[in-house]
Amino acid sequence: MTAQLAQTAPPAGGAGRSRGARCAALLGLAVTGAAVSVVPVLGVQGWLNDSGLPFGLVGAAAVVLVGLLVAVPLLLPAFRGVRRTWGRDLRPMLGRVLLADTVAMLLLARLLPFRWGVLSCLVFCLPALCVAWAAVVRTRSAVPVAVVALALVYAVAVPVRGLQQHVVVRQWMRTEAVPSRALAQVVVLPGMAQERYTWDGTRLTALFGVPAGPMDAWLGAEQVTLGSTDPCGPLLDAQGDTTGTVSPPCVQDGPGLWFRGTSQEAVGYVLQRGGVTIALTGGVWAQGEESDAAYAARRRAALREVILAAHTATDAELASRVRPGHPDLLEGLLR
């Protein structure tokens, strides 16, 4: 009997190789699922974020459909690997697996924007790994375990997002040699979108635009310098598709605050606070039937309110307003 058992028992190395093959097939299905869900997720994201996809909802639906059609032949080899090692035929579950991968990835993408880095790639493979586990194992506890694992992934996504935003800010400040975080003063001009900050070695500049055909028209500008510079000097002026300088009259309007303009034209404000000088010009406010003087007074009050609300950017605010620099090794791992 001992000899018979010895003949029928699988070699110890064979069991190890079998487990390794199963793990490889499961990981292959997870990585493939994560990869093929990218295009459908991009389509849905483009529609949700109103990112200018042609034909709006129809264009987004077309992107999703193309992504799903391309995904089918890419998933089949991973399914064959699962059938070979696990003895599971997943072809009848193709639609459910693909839909689950796409939904799980979309939920993660809403919490954690993807960045090209090691950490992002690892985290974005986890939802598909949970789906693959539930599809392949098929025990009574497989789906609840996968759901709990997905919840943990989504919970971890929030601190990971904060870490990556800090890494982006660190990269930008190091690459651009920005001397102080205090230079990044966030101002919000109603109805206008801020372009990314630019640093020229002396001033941090932000331009604000409104949609005008295929490109935005610049109609607002902010410049921040370290220290107390001349509040009555020339100001940067946004002029549609270019910029210039203007030197309007200068009147002190409070401690560390100067109004730039006249009773007929409110050009901007200059604020000295917290070791920096903030100069703000432009902005768009619709003029009704009021007189030019009344409109200028309303613009002046609005600009005053905007500049007094300026504050040093948080990591989240600054990460969305800068262009990431070249990462070092640690930053590349954490992105």
C-alpha atoms as a PDB file:
ATOM      1  CA  MET A   1       0.000   0.000   0.000  1.00  0.00           C
ATOM      2  CA  THR A   2       2.848   2.345   0.813  1.00  0.00           C
ATOM      3  CA  ALA A   3       4.313   1.756  -2.612  1.00  0.00           C
ATOM      4  CA  GLN A   4       0.942   2.410  -4.233  1.00  0.00           C
ATOM      5  CA  LEU A   5       0.519   5.725  -2.375  1.00  0.00           C
ATOM      6  CA  ALA A   6       4.011   6.720  -3.371  1.00  0.00           C
ATOM      7  CA  GLN A   7       3.118   6.069  -7.009  1.00  0.00           C
ATOM      8  CA  THR A   8      -0.174   8.040  -6.937  1.00  0.00           C
ATOM      9  CA  ALA A   9       0.815  10.991  -4.724  1.00  0.00           C
ATOM     10  CA  PRO A  10       1.898  14.078  -6.712  1.00  0.00           C
ATOM     11  CA  PRO A  11       5.445  15.229  -6.179  1.00  0.00           C
ATOM     12  CA  ALA A  12       5.869  18.018  -3.616  1.00  0.00           C
ATOM     13  CA  GLY A  13       7.331  20.265  -6.277  1.00  0.00           C
ATOM     14  CA  GLY A  14       4.345  19.567  -8.529  1.00  0.00           C
ATOM     15  CA  ALA A  15       1.908  20.879  -5.902  1.00  0.00           C
ATOM     16  CA  GLY A  16       3.993  24.018  -5.569  1.00  0.00           C
ATOM     17  CA  ARG A  17       4.077  24.503  -9.312  1.00  0.00           C
ATOM     18  CA  SER A  18       0.296  24.008  -9.449  1.00  0.00           C
ATOM     19  CA  ARG A  19      -0.266  26.694  -6.841  1.00  0.00           C
ATOM     20  CA  GLY A  20       2.117  28.982  -8.666  1.00  0.00           C
ATOM     21  CA  ALA A  21       0.308  28.410 -11.955  1.00  0.00           C
ATOM     22  CA  ARG A  22      -3.038  29.157 -10.333  1.00  0.00           C
ATOM     23  CA  CYS A  23      -1.739  32.393  -8.808  1.00  0.00           C
ATOM     24  CA  ALA A  24      -0.212  33.385 -12.143  1.00  0.00           C
ATOM     25  CA  ALA A  25      -3.508  32.746 -13.952  1.00  0.00           C
ATOM     26  CA  LEU A  26      -5.448  34.749 -11.332  1.00  0.00           C
ATOM     27  CA  LEU A  27      -3.005  37.662 -11.545  1.00  0.00           C
ATOM     28  CA  GLY A  28      -3.055  37.491 -15.340  1.00  0.00           C
ATOM     29  CA  LEU A  29      -6.847  37.766 -15.323  1.00  0.00           C
ATOM     30  CA  ALA A  30      -6.669  40.703 -12.879  1.00  0.00           C
ATOM     31  CA  VAL A  31      -4.069  42.629 -14.891  1.00  0.00           C
ATOM     32  CA  THR A  32      -5.946  41.983 -18.141  1.00  0.00           C
ATOM     33  CA  GLY A  33      -9.219  43.052 -16.542  1.00  0.00           C
ATOM     34  CA  ALA A  34      -7.647  46.256 -15.294  1.00  0.00           C
ATOM     35  CA  ALA A  35      -6.146  47.003 -18.703  1.00  0.00           C
ATOM     36  CA  VAL A  36      -9.269  46.359 -20.764  1.00  0.00           C
ATOM     37  CA  SER A  37     -11.468  48.485 -18.492  1.00  0.00           C
ATOM     38  CA  VAL A  38      -9.367  51.590 -19.134  1.00  0.00           C
ATOM     39  CA  VAL A  39     -11.059  52.685 -22.378  1.00  0.00           C
ATOM     40  CA  PRO A  40     -14.662  52.274 -21.131  1.00  0.00           C
ATOM     41  CA  VAL A  41     -13.747  54.129 -17.938  1.00  0.00           C
ATOM     42  CA  LEU A  42     -12.184  56.956 -19.964  1.00  0.00           C
ATOM     43  CA  GLY A  43     -15.415  57.270 -21.943  1.00  0.00           C
ATOM     44  CA  VAL A  44     -17.584  57.509 -18.836  1.00  0.00           C
ATOM     45  CA  GLN A  45     -15.118  59.861 -17.148  1.00  0.00           C
ATOM     46  CA  GLY A  46     -15.094  62.118 -20.198  1.00  0.00           C
ATOM     47  CA  TRP A  47     -18.865  62.417 -20.073  1.00  0.00           C
ATOM     48  CA  LEU A  48     -19.058  62.913 -16.287  1.00  0.00           C
ATOM     49  CA  ASN A  49     -16.299  65.532 -16.331  1.00  0.00           C
ATOM     50  CA  ASP A  50     -17.669  67.285 -19.441  1.00  0.00           C
ATOM     51  CA  SER A  51     -14.190  67.122 -20.960  1.00  0.00           C
ATOM     52  CA  GLY A  52     -15.237  68.099 -24.470  1.00  0.00           C
ATOM     53  CA  LEU A  53     -15.719  64.675 -26.055  1.00  0.00           C
ATOM     54  CA  PRO A  54     -17.255  65.080 -29.545  1.00  0.00           C
ATOM     55  CA  PHE A  55     -21.055  64.731 -29.509  1.00  0.00           C
ATOM     56  CA  GLY A  56     -21.238  64.671 -25.709  1.00  0.00           C
ATOM     57  CA  LEU A  57     -23.116  61.647 -24.389  1.00  0.00           C
ATOM     58  CA  VAL A  58     -23.158  59.947 -27.804  1.00  0.00           C
ATOM     59  CA  GLY A  59     -19.386  60.329 -28.119  1.00  0.00           C
ATOM     60  CA  ALA A  60     -18.866  58.947 -24.609  1.00  0.00           C
ATOM     61  CA  ALA A  61     -21.137  55.987 -25.387  1.00  0.00           C
ATOM     62  CA  ALA A  62     -19.146  55.300 -28.572  1.00  0.00           C
ATOM     63  CA  VAL A  63     -15.862  55.273 -26.618  1.00  0.00           C
ATOM     64  CA  VAL A  64     -17.360  52.882 -24.051  1.00  0.00           C
ATOM     65  CA  LEU A  65     -18.716  50.575 -26.777  1.00  0.00           C
ATOM     66  CA  VAL A  66     -15.401  50.452 -28.648  1.00  0.00           C
ATOM     67  CA  GLY A  67     -13.591  49.733 -25.382  1.00  0.00           C
ATOM     68  CA  LEU A  68     -15.919  46.858 -24.548  1.00  0.00           C
ATOM     69  CA  LEU A  69     -15.610  45.352 -28.035  1.00  0.00           C
ATOM     70  CA  VAL A  70     -11.807  45.513 -27.906  1.00  0.00           C
ATOM     71  CA  ALA A  71     -11.832  43.996 -24.414  1.00  0.00           C
ATOM     72  CA  VAL A  72     -13.486  40.725 -25.448  1.00  0.00           C
ATOM     73  CA  PRO A  73     -10.629  39.215 -27.509  1.00  0.00           C
ATOM     74  CA  LEU A  74      -8.097  40.427 -24.936  1.00  0.00           C
ATOM     75  CA  LEU A  75      -9.887  38.709 -22.053  1.00  0.00           C
ATOM     76  CA  LEU A  76     -10.240  35.320 -23.762  1.00  0.00           C
ATOM     77  CA  PRO A  77      -6.540  34.300 -23.396  1.00  0.00           C
ATOM     78  CA  ALA A  78      -6.740  35.102 -19.669  1.00  0.00           C
ATOM     79  CA  PHE A  79      -9.888  32.970 -19.463  1.00  0.00           C
ATOM     80  CA  ARG A  80      -8.041  30.085 -21.126  1.00  0.00           C
ATOM     81  CA  GLY A  81      -5.284  30.349 -18.524  1.00  0.00           C
ATOM     82  CA  VAL A  82      -7.891  30.135 -15.738  1.00  0.00           C
ATOM     83  CA  ARG A  83      -9.551  27.075 -17.336  1.00  0.00           C
ATOM     84  CA  ARG A  84      -6.184  25.348 -17.728  1.00  0.00           C
ATOM     85  CA  THR A  85      -5.097  25.870 -14.095  1.00  0.00           C
ATOM     86  CA  TRP A  86      -8.359  26.167 -12.139  1.00  0.00           C
ATOM     87  CA  GLY A  87     -10.682  24.071 -14.278  1.00  0.00           C
ATOM     88  CA  ARG A  88     -13.131  26.975 -14.481  1.00  0.00           C
ATOM     89  CA  ASP A  89     -14.782  28.036 -17.739  1.00  0.00           C
ATOM     90  CA  LEU A  90     -15.401  31.784 -17.413  1.00  0.00           C
ATOM     91  CA  ARG A  91     -16.673  32.355 -20.940  1.00  0.00           C
ATOM     92  CA  PRO A  92     -20.351  32.359 -19.854  1.00  0.00           C
ATOM     93  CA  MET A  93     -19.388  35.079 -17.333  1.00  0.00           C
ATOM     94  CA  LEU A  94     -17.575  37.296 -19.841  1.00  0.00           C
ATOM     95  CA  GLY A  95     -20.131  40.113 -19.768  1.00  0.00           C
ATOM     96  CA  ARG A  96     -20.445  40.096 -15.979  1.00  0.00           C
ATOM     97  CA  VAL A  97     -16.682  40.061 -15.422  1.00  0.00           C
ATOM     98  CA  LEU A  98     -16.115  42.911 -17.883  1.00  0.00           C
ATOM     99  CA  LEU A  99     -18.933  44.999 -16.390  1.00  0.00           C
ATOM    100  CA  ALA A 100     -17.704  44.379 -12.843  1.00  0.00           C
ATOM    101  CA  ASP A 101     -14.128  45.332 -13.829  1.00  0.00           C
ATOM    102  CA  THR A 102     -15.349  48.547 -15.468  1.00  0.00           C
ATOM    103  CA  VAL A 103     -17.609  49.616 -12.595  1.00  0.00           C
ATOM    104  CA  ALA A 104     -15.002  48.803  -9.939  1.00  0.00           C
ATOM    105  CA  MET A 105     -12.335  50.731 -11.862  1.00  0.00           C
ATOM    106  CA  LEU A 106     -14.655  53.686 -12.456  1.00  0.00           C
ATOM    107  CA  LEU A 107     -15.457  54.016  -8.757  1.00  0.00           C
ATOM    108  CA  LEU A 108     -11.739  54.002  -7.937  1.00  0.00           C
ATOM    109  CA  ALA A 109     -10.979  56.554 -10.665  1.00  0.00           C
ATOM    110  CA  ARG A 110     -13.560  58.932  -9.144  1.00  0.00           C
ATOM    111  CA  LEU A 111     -11.694  58.752  -5.825  1.00  0.00           C
ATOM    112  CA  LEU A 112      -8.112  58.567  -7.064  1.00  0.00           C
ATOM    113  CA  PRO A 113      -7.030  60.134 -10.387  1.00  0.00           C
ATOM    114  CA  PHE A 114      -4.595  57.845 -12.193  1.00  0.00           C
ATOM    115  CA  ARG A 115      -0.957  58.944 -12.440  1.00  0.00           C
ATOM    116  CA  TRP A 116       1.862  57.228 -14.276  1.00  0.00           C
ATOM    117  CA  GLY A 117       3.735  55.770 -11.323  1.00  0.00           C
ATOM    118  CA  VAL A 118       4.342  52.480  -9.544  1.00  0.00           C
ATOM    119  CA  LEU A 119       1.877  53.134  -6.711  1.00  0.00           C
ATOM    120  CA  SER A 120      -0.972  54.117  -9.064  1.00  0.00           C
ATOM    121  CA  CYS A 121      -0.459  51.050 -11.250  1.00  0.00           C
ATOM    122  CA  LEU A 122      -0.519  48.747  -8.234  1.00  0.00           C
ATOM    123  CA  VAL A 123      -3.616  50.339  -6.672  1.00  0.00           C
ATOM    124  CA  PHE A 124      -5.537  50.384  -9.966  1.00  0.00           C
ATOM    125  CA  CYS A 125      -4.972  46.640 -10.425  1.00  0.00           C
ATOM    126  CA  LEU A 126      -6.565  45.815  -7.058  1.00  0.00           C
ATOM    127  CA  PRO A 127     -10.263  46.210  -8.048  1.00  0.00           C
ATOM    128  CA  ALA A 128      -9.777  43.819 -10.977  1.00  0.00           C
ATOM    129  CA  LEU A 129      -7.983  41.386  -8.660  1.00  0.00           C
ATOM    130  CA  CYS A 130     -11.025  41.392  -6.352  1.00  0.00           C
ATOM    131  CA  VAL A 131     -13.329  40.739  -9.325  1.00  0.00           C
ATOM    132  CA  ALA A 132     -11.065  37.953 -10.605  1.00  0.00           C
ATOM    133  CA  TRP A 133     -11.034  36.314  -7.169  1.00  0.00           C
ATOM    134  CA  ALA A 134     -14.829  36.313  -6.938  1.00  0.00           C
ATOM    135  CA  ALA A 135     -15.203  34.990 -10.508  1.00  0.00           C
ATOM    136  CA  VAL A 136     -12.624  32.209 -10.206  1.00  0.00           C
ATOM    137  CA  VAL A 137     -12.941  30.896  -6.636  1.00  0.00           C
ATOM    138  CA  ARG A 138     -16.764  30.671  -6.642  1.00  0.00           C
ATOM    139  CA  THR A 139     -17.177  29.681  -3.013  1.00  0.00           C
ATOM    140  CA  ARG A 140     -19.979  30.930  -0.779  1.00  0.00           C
ATOM    141  CA  SER A 141     -17.646  33.426   0.854  1.00  0.00           C
ATOM    142  CA  ALA A 142     -15.816  34.557  -2.315  1.00  0.00           C
ATOM    143  CA  VAL A 143     -18.157  37.416  -3.225  1.00  0.00           C
ATOM    144  CA  PRO A 144     -18.432  38.853   0.341  1.00  0.00           C
ATOM    145  CA  VAL A 145     -14.640  38.678   0.668  1.00  0.00           C
ATOM    146  CA  ALA A 146     -14.229  40.465  -2.672  1.00  0.00           C
ATOM    147  CA  VAL A 147     -16.728  43.179  -1.647  1.00  0.00           C
ATOM    148  CA  VAL A 148     -14.921  43.782   1.659  1.00  0.00           C
ATOM    149  CA  ALA A 149     -11.580  43.899  -0.166  1.00  0.00           C
ATOM    150  CA  LEU A 150     -12.997  46.444  -2.636  1.00  0.00           C
ATOM    151  CA  ALA A 151     -14.255  48.589   0.246  1.00  0.00           C
ATOM    152  CA  LEU A 152     -10.751  48.530   1.753  1.00  0.00           C
ATOM    153  CA  VAL A 153      -9.247  49.557  -1.595  1.00  0.00           C
ATOM    154  CA  TYR A 154     -11.617  52.522  -1.828  1.00  0.00           C
ATOM    155  CA  ALA A 155     -10.887  53.490   1.780  1.00  0.00           C
ATOM    156  CA  VAL A 156      -7.131  53.449   1.087  1.00  0.00           C
ATOM    157  CA  ALA A 157      -7.612  55.516  -2.093  1.00  0.00           C
ATOM    158  CA  VAL A 158      -8.299  58.726  -0.141  1.00  0.00           C
ATOM    159  CA  PRO A 159      -4.982  58.837   1.813  1.00  0.00           C
ATOM    160  CA  VAL A 160      -3.137  57.655  -1.309  1.00  0.00           C
ATOM    161  CA  ARG A 161      -4.620  60.607  -3.224  1.00  0.00           C
ATOM    162  CA  GLY A 162      -3.390  62.995  -0.518  1.00  0.00           C
ATOM    163  CA  LEU A 163       0.081  61.439  -0.630  1.00  0.00           C
ATOM    164  CA  GLN A 164       0.262  61.717  -4.415  1.00  0.00           C
ATOM    165  CA  GLN A 165      -0.899  65.338  -4.370  1.00  0.00           C
ATOM    166  CA  HIS A 166       1.891  66.126  -1.916  1.00  0.00           C
ATOM    167  CA  VAL A 167       4.379  64.352  -4.202  1.00  0.00           C
ATOM    168  CA  VAL A 168       3.210  66.436  -7.203  1.00  0.00           C
ATOM    169  CA  VAL A 169       3.622  69.668  -5.220  1.00  0.00           C
ATOM    170  CA  ARG A 170       7.074  68.581  -4.042  1.00  0.00           C
ATOM    171  CA  GLN A 171       8.127  67.745  -7.608  1.00  0.00           C
ATOM    172  CA  TRP A 172       6.914  71.092  -8.928  1.00  0.00           C
ATOM    173  CA  MET A 173       8.588  73.184  -6.237  1.00  0.00           C
ATOM    174  CA  ARG A 174      11.886  71.300  -6.653  1.00  0.00           C
ATOM    175  CA  THR A 175      11.858  71.334 -10.469  1.00  0.00           C
ATOM    176  CA  GLU A 176      10.834  74.997 -10.778  1.00  0.00           C
ATOM    177  CA  ALA A 177      12.978  76.113  -7.805  1.00  0.00           C
ATOM    178  CA  VAL A 178      10.029  77.931  -6.206  1.00  0.00           C
ATOM    179  CA  PRO A 179      11.427  79.355  -2.957  1.00  0.00           C
ATOM    180  CA  SER A 180       8.257  79.444  -0.848  1.00  0.00           C
ATOM    181  CA  ARG A 181       4.898  77.716  -0.713  1.00  0.00           C
ATOM    182  CA  ALA A 182       3.398  81.074   0.341  1.00  0.00           C
ATOM    183  CA  LEU A 183       3.705  82.251  -3.279  1.00  0.00           C
ATOM    184  CA  ALA A 184       0.862  79.925  -4.300  1.00  0.00           C
ATOM    185  CA  GLN A 185      -2.057  82.169  -3.353  1.00  0.00           C
ATOM    186  CA  VAL A 186      -5.401  80.826  -4.584  1.00  0.00           C
ATOM    187  CA  VAL A 187      -7.891  83.398  -5.855  1.00  0.00           C
ATOM    188  CA  VAL A 188     -11.209  82.464  -7.438  1.00  0.00           C
ATOM    189  CA  LEU A 189     -12.616  84.690 -10.173  1.00  0.00           C
ATOM    190  CA  PRO A 190     -16.277  83.685 -10.669  1.00  0.00           C
ATOM    191  CA  GLY A 191     -17.056  81.977 -13.963  1.00  0.00           C
ATOM    192  CA  MET A 192     -13.392  81.709 -14.972  1.00  0.00           C
ATOM    193  CA  ALA A 193     -10.981  78.784 -15.161  1.00  0.00           C
ATOM    194  CA  GLN A 194      -7.435  79.192 -13.883  1.00  0.00           C
ATOM    195  CA  GLU A 195      -4.565  77.990 -16.025  1.00  0.00           C
ATOM    196  CA  ARG A 196      -1.522  76.345 -14.473  1.00  0.00           C
ATOM    197  CA  TYR A 197       0.876  78.486 -12.477  1.00  0.00           C
ATOM    198  CA  THR A 198       4.073  79.654 -14.150  1.00  0.00           C
ATOM    199  CA  TRP A 199       7.203  80.735 -12.286  1.00  0.00           C
ATOM    200  CA  ASP A 200       9.751  83.055 -13.898  1.00  0.00           C
ATOM    201  CA  GLY A 201      12.206  83.145 -11.000  1.00  0.00           C
ATOM    202  CA  THR A 202      10.635  86.266  -9.490  1.00  0.00           C
ATOM    203  CA  ARG A 203       6.866  86.086  -9.834  1.00  0.00           C
ATOM    204  CA  LEU A 204       4.273  83.337  -9.760  1.00  0.00           C
ATOM    205  CA  THR A 205       1.650  84.011 -12.428  1.00  0.00           C
ATOM    206  CA  ALA A 206      -1.807  82.594 -13.050  1.00  0.00           C
ATOM    207  CA  LEU A 207      -4.033  83.518 -15.985  1.00  0.00           C
ATOM    208  CA  PHE A 208      -7.804  83.112 -15.934  1.00  0.00           C
ATOM    209  CA  GLY A 209      -9.880  82.407 -19.021  1.00  0.00           C
ATOM    210  CA  VAL A 210     -13.388  81.963 -20.334  1.00  0.00           C
ATOM    211  CA  PRO A 211     -14.402  79.714 -23.263  1.00  0.00           C
ATOM    212  CA  ALA A 212     -14.054  81.457 -26.612  1.00  0.00           C
ATOM    213  CA  GLY A 213     -14.248  79.012 -29.500  1.00  0.00           C
ATOM    214  CA  PRO A 214     -11.577  76.308 -29.539  1.00  0.00           C
ATOM    215  CA  MET A 215      -9.462  78.130 -26.926  1.00  0.00           C
ATOM    216  CA  ASP A 216     -10.028  80.138 -23.770  1.00  0.00           C
ATOM    217  CA  ALA A 217      -9.711  83.919 -23.792  1.00  0.00           C
ATOM    218  CA  TRP A 218      -7.566  85.302 -20.983  1.00  0.00           C
ATOM    219  CA  LEU A 219      -9.515  87.947 -19.092  1.00  0.00           C
ATOM    220  CA  GLY A 220      -7.950  87.821 -15.650  1.00  0.00           C
ATOM    221  CA  ALA A 221      -4.447  87.656 -14.152  1.00  0.00           C
ATOM    222  CA  GLU A 222      -2.802  87.118 -10.790  1.00  0.00           C
ATOM    223  CA  GLN A 223       0.846  87.690  -9.923  1.00  0.00           C
ATOM    224  CA  VAL A 224       2.465  86.956  -6.559  1.00  0.00           C
ATOM    225  CA  THR A 225       5.917  88.058  -5.443  1.00  0.00           C
ATOM    226  CA  LEU A 226       7.803  87.520  -2.205  1.00  0.00           C
ATOM    227  CA  GLY A 227       8.086  90.486   0.143  1.00  0.00           C
ATOM    228  CA  SER A 228       6.557  93.927  -0.162  1.00  0.00           C
ATOM    229  CA  THR A 229       6.952  95.197  -3.709  1.00  0.00           C
ATOM    230  CA  ASP A 230       5.653  98.529  -5.032  1.00  0.00           C
ATOM    231  CA  PRO A 231       1.836  98.250  -4.940  1.00  0.00           C
ATOM    232  CA  CYS A 232       1.486 101.119  -7.400  1.00  0.00           C
ATOM    233  CA  GLY A 233       3.786  99.718 -10.095  1.00  0.00           C
ATOM    234  CA  PRO A 234       2.762  98.234 -13.460  1.00  0.00           C
ATOM    235  CA  LEU A 235       0.247  95.359 -13.410  1.00  0.00           C
ATOM    236  CA  LEU A 236      -0.066  92.324 -15.654  1.00  0.00           C
ATOM    237  CA  ASP A 237      -3.164  92.657 -17.836  1.00  0.00           C
ATOM    238  CA  ALA A 238      -4.811  89.717 -19.638  1.00  0.00           C
ATOM    239  CA  GLN A 239      -5.917  90.735 -23.133  1.00  0.00           C
ATOM    240  CA  GLY A 240      -7.656  87.744 -24.686  1.00  0.00           C
ATOM    241  CA  ASP A 241      -4.926  85.792 -26.461  1.00  0.00           C
ATOM    242  CA  THR A 242      -2.010  87.801 -25.097  1.00  0.00           C
ATOM    243  CA  THR A 243      -0.907  89.801 -22.066  1.00  0.00           C
ATOM    244  CA  GLY A 244       0.407  93.293 -21.470  1.00  0.00           C
ATOM    245  CA  THR A 245       1.026  95.733 -18.643  1.00  0.00           C
ATOM    246  CA  VAL A 246      -1.062  98.634 -17.404  1.00  0.00           C
ATOM    247  CA  SER A 247      -0.417 101.356 -14.829  1.00  0.00           C
ATOM    248  CA  PRO A 248      -3.796 102.571 -13.580  1.00  0.00           C
ATOM    249  CA  PRO A 249      -4.165 105.042 -10.688  1.00  0.00           C
ATOM    250  CA  CYS A 250      -3.363 103.675  -7.249  1.00  0.00           C
ATOM    251  CA  VAL A 251      -5.409 104.373  -4.092  1.00  0.00           C
ATOM    252  CA  GLN A 252      -4.929 102.738  -0.685  1.00  0.00           C
ATOM    253  CA  ASP A 253      -8.151 100.992   0.343  1.00  0.00           C
ATOM    254  CA  GLY A 254      -7.186  99.597   3.741  1.00  0.00           C
ATOM    255  CA  PRO A 255      -4.210  98.153   5.627  1.00  0.00           C
ATOM    256  CA  GLY A 256      -1.971  96.475   3.033  1.00  0.00           C
ATOM    257  CA  LEU A 257      -4.636  96.901   0.316  1.00  0.00           C
ATOM    258  CA  TRP A 258      -4.547  99.154  -2.784  1.00  0.00           C
ATOM    259  CA  PHE A 259      -7.223  99.728  -5.412  1.00  0.00           C
ATOM    260  CA  ARG A 260      -5.997 100.127  -8.968  1.00  0.00           C
ATOM    261  CA  GLY A 261      -8.372 101.992 -11.238  1.00  0.00           C
ATOM    262  CA  THR A 262     -10.757 104.916 -11.368  1.00  0.00           C
ATOM    263  CA  SER A 263     -14.400 105.589 -10.553  1.00  0.00           C
ATOM    264  CA  GLN A 264     -15.227 104.659 -14.162  1.00  0.00           C
ATOM    265  CA  GLU A 265     -12.981 101.587 -14.505  1.00  0.00           C
ATOM    266  CA  ALA A 266     -12.016  99.030 -11.858  1.00  0.00           C
ATOM    267  CA  VAL A 267      -8.790  97.423 -13.078  1.00  0.00           C
ATOM    268  CA  GLY A 268      -7.703  95.419 -10.054  1.00  0.00           C
ATOM    269  CA  TYR A 269      -6.329  95.244  -6.523  1.00  0.00           C
ATOM    270  CA  VAL A 270      -2.975  94.717  -4.821  1.00  0.00           C
ATOM    271  CA  LEU A 271      -2.736  93.027  -1.409  1.00  0.00           C
ATOM    272  CA  GLN A 272       0.310  92.713   0.826  1.00  0.00           C
ATOM    273  CA  ARG A 273      -0.148  90.007   3.441  1.00  0.00           C
ATOM    274  CA  GLY A 274       1.755  87.085   4.909  1.00  0.00           C
ATOM    275  CA  GLY A 275       5.088  88.104   3.413  1.00  0.00           C
ATOM    276  CA  VAL A 276       3.846  88.225  -0.198  1.00  0.00           C
ATOM    277  CA  THR A 277       2.380  90.799  -2.589  1.00  0.00           C
ATOM    278  CA  ILE A 278      -0.651  89.687  -4.604  1.00  0.00           C
ATOM    279  CA  ALA A 279      -1.695  91.654  -7.694  1.00  0.00           C
ATOM    280  CA  LEU A 280      -5.051  90.817  -9.278  1.00  0.00           C
ATOM    281  CA  THR A 281      -6.573  92.264 -12.454  1.00  0.00           C
ATOM    282  CA  GLY A 282      -9.492  91.502 -14.750  1.00  0.00           C
ATOM    283  CA  GLY A 283     -12.477  89.304 -14.060  1.00  0.00           C
ATOM    284  CA  VAL A 284     -15.813  89.048 -15.850  1.00  0.00           C
ATOM    285  CA  TRP A 285     -19.029  90.469 -14.445  1.00  0.00           C
ATOM    286  CA  ALA A 286     -22.002  91.088 -16.698  1.00  0.00           C
ATOM    287  CA  GLN A 287     -23.092  94.722 -17.017  1.00  0.00           C
ATOM    288  CA  GLY A 288     -26.821  95.346 -16.929  1.00  0.00           C
ATOM    289  CA  GLU A 289     -28.623  98.609 -17.490  1.00  0.00           C
ATOM    290  CA  GLU A 290     -26.558 100.321 -14.798  1.00  0.00           C
ATOM    291  CA  SER A 291     -24.281 103.253 -15.539  1.00  0.00           C
ATOM    292  CA  ASP A 292     -20.568 102.813 -16.129  1.00  0.00           C
ATOM    293  CA  ALA A 293     -19.858 104.300 -12.690  1.00  0.00           C
ATOM    294  CA  ALA A 294     -22.264 101.882 -10.970  1.00  0.00           C
ATOM    295  CA  TYR A 295     -20.801  98.945 -12.889  1.00  0.00           C
ATOM    296  CA  ALA A 296     -17.250  99.996 -11.978  1.00  0.00           C
ATOM    297  CA  ALA A 297     -18.264 100.258  -8.312  1.00  0.00           C
ATOM    298  CA  ARG A 298     -19.748  96.754  -8.411  1.00  0.00           C
ATOM    299  CA  ARG A 299     -16.628  95.372 -10.097  1.00  0.00           C
ATOM    300  CA  ARG A 300     -14.459  97.088  -7.516  1.00  0.00           C
ATOM    301  CA  ALA A 301     -16.420  95.552  -4.638  1.00  0.00           C
ATOM    302  CA  ALA A 302     -16.278  92.114  -6.266  1.00  0.00           C
ATOM    303  CA  LEU A 303     -12.519  92.307  -6.919  1.00  0.00           C
ATOM    304  CA  ARG A 304     -11.937  93.466  -3.355  1.00  0.00           C
ATOM    305  CA  GLU A 305     -13.856  90.484  -2.018  1.00  0.00           C
ATOM    306  CA  VAL A 306     -11.944  88.082  -4.274  1.00  0.00           C
ATOM    307  CA  ILE A 307      -8.473  89.282  -3.306  1.00  0.00           C
ATOM    308  CA  LEU A 308      -9.251  89.420   0.411  1.00  0.00           C
ATOM    309  CA  ALA A 309     -10.327  85.759   0.179  1.00  0.00           C
ATOM    310  CA  ALA A 310      -6.912  84.736  -1.225  1.00  0.00           C
ATOM    311  CA  HIS A 311      -5.270  81.927   0.716  1.00  0.00           C
ATOM    312  CA  THR A 312      -2.202  79.710   0.480  1.00  0.00           C
ATOM    313  CA  ALA A 313      -2.997  76.676  -1.662  1.00  0.00           C
ATOM    314  CA  THR A 314      -3.504  73.297  -0.063  1.00  0.00           C
ATOM    315  CA  ASP A 315      -1.834  70.245  -1.601  1.00  0.00           C
ATOM    316  CA  ALA A 316      -5.085  69.380  -3.408  1.00  0.00           C
ATOM    317  CA  GLU A 317      -5.498  72.917  -4.792  1.00  0.00           C
ATOM    318  CA  LEU A 318      -1.879  73.285  -5.835  1.00  0.00           C
ATOM    319  CA  ALA A 319      -1.575  69.815  -7.404  1.00  0.00           C
ATOM    320  CA  SER A 320      -4.403  70.678  -9.800  1.00  0.00           C
ATOM    321  CA  ARG A 321      -2.826  74.027 -10.703  1.00  0.00           C
ATOM    322  CA  VAL A 322       0.739  72.997 -11.551  1.00  0.00           C
ATOM    323  CA  ARG A 323       2.491  70.831 -14.111  1.00  0.00           C
ATOM    324  CA  PRO A 324       4.332  67.995 -12.325  1.00  0.00           C
ATOM    325  CA  GLY A 325       8.089  68.170 -12.618  1.00  0.00           C
ATOM    326  CA  HIS A 326      10.553  65.364 -13.272  1.00  0.00           C
ATOM    327  CA  PRO A 327      10.277  62.836 -10.419  1.00  0.00           C
ATOM    328  CA  ASP A 328      13.224  61.433  -8.536  1.00  0.00           C
ATOM    329  CA  LEU A 329      13.269  57.701  -7.680  1.00  0.00           C
ATOM    330  CA  LEU A 330      11.105  57.996  -4.543  1.00  0.00           C
ATOM    331  CA  GLU A 331       8.597  60.288  -6.244  1.00  0.00           C
ATOM    332  CA  GLY A 332       8.357  57.927  -9.199  1.00  0.00           C
ATOM    333  CA  LEU A 333       7.496  55.072  -6.843  1.00  0.00           C
ATOM    334  CA  LEU A 334       4.843  57.084  -4.980  1.00  0.00           C
ATOM    335  CA  ARG A 335       3.057  58.527  -8.020  1.00  0.00           C
END
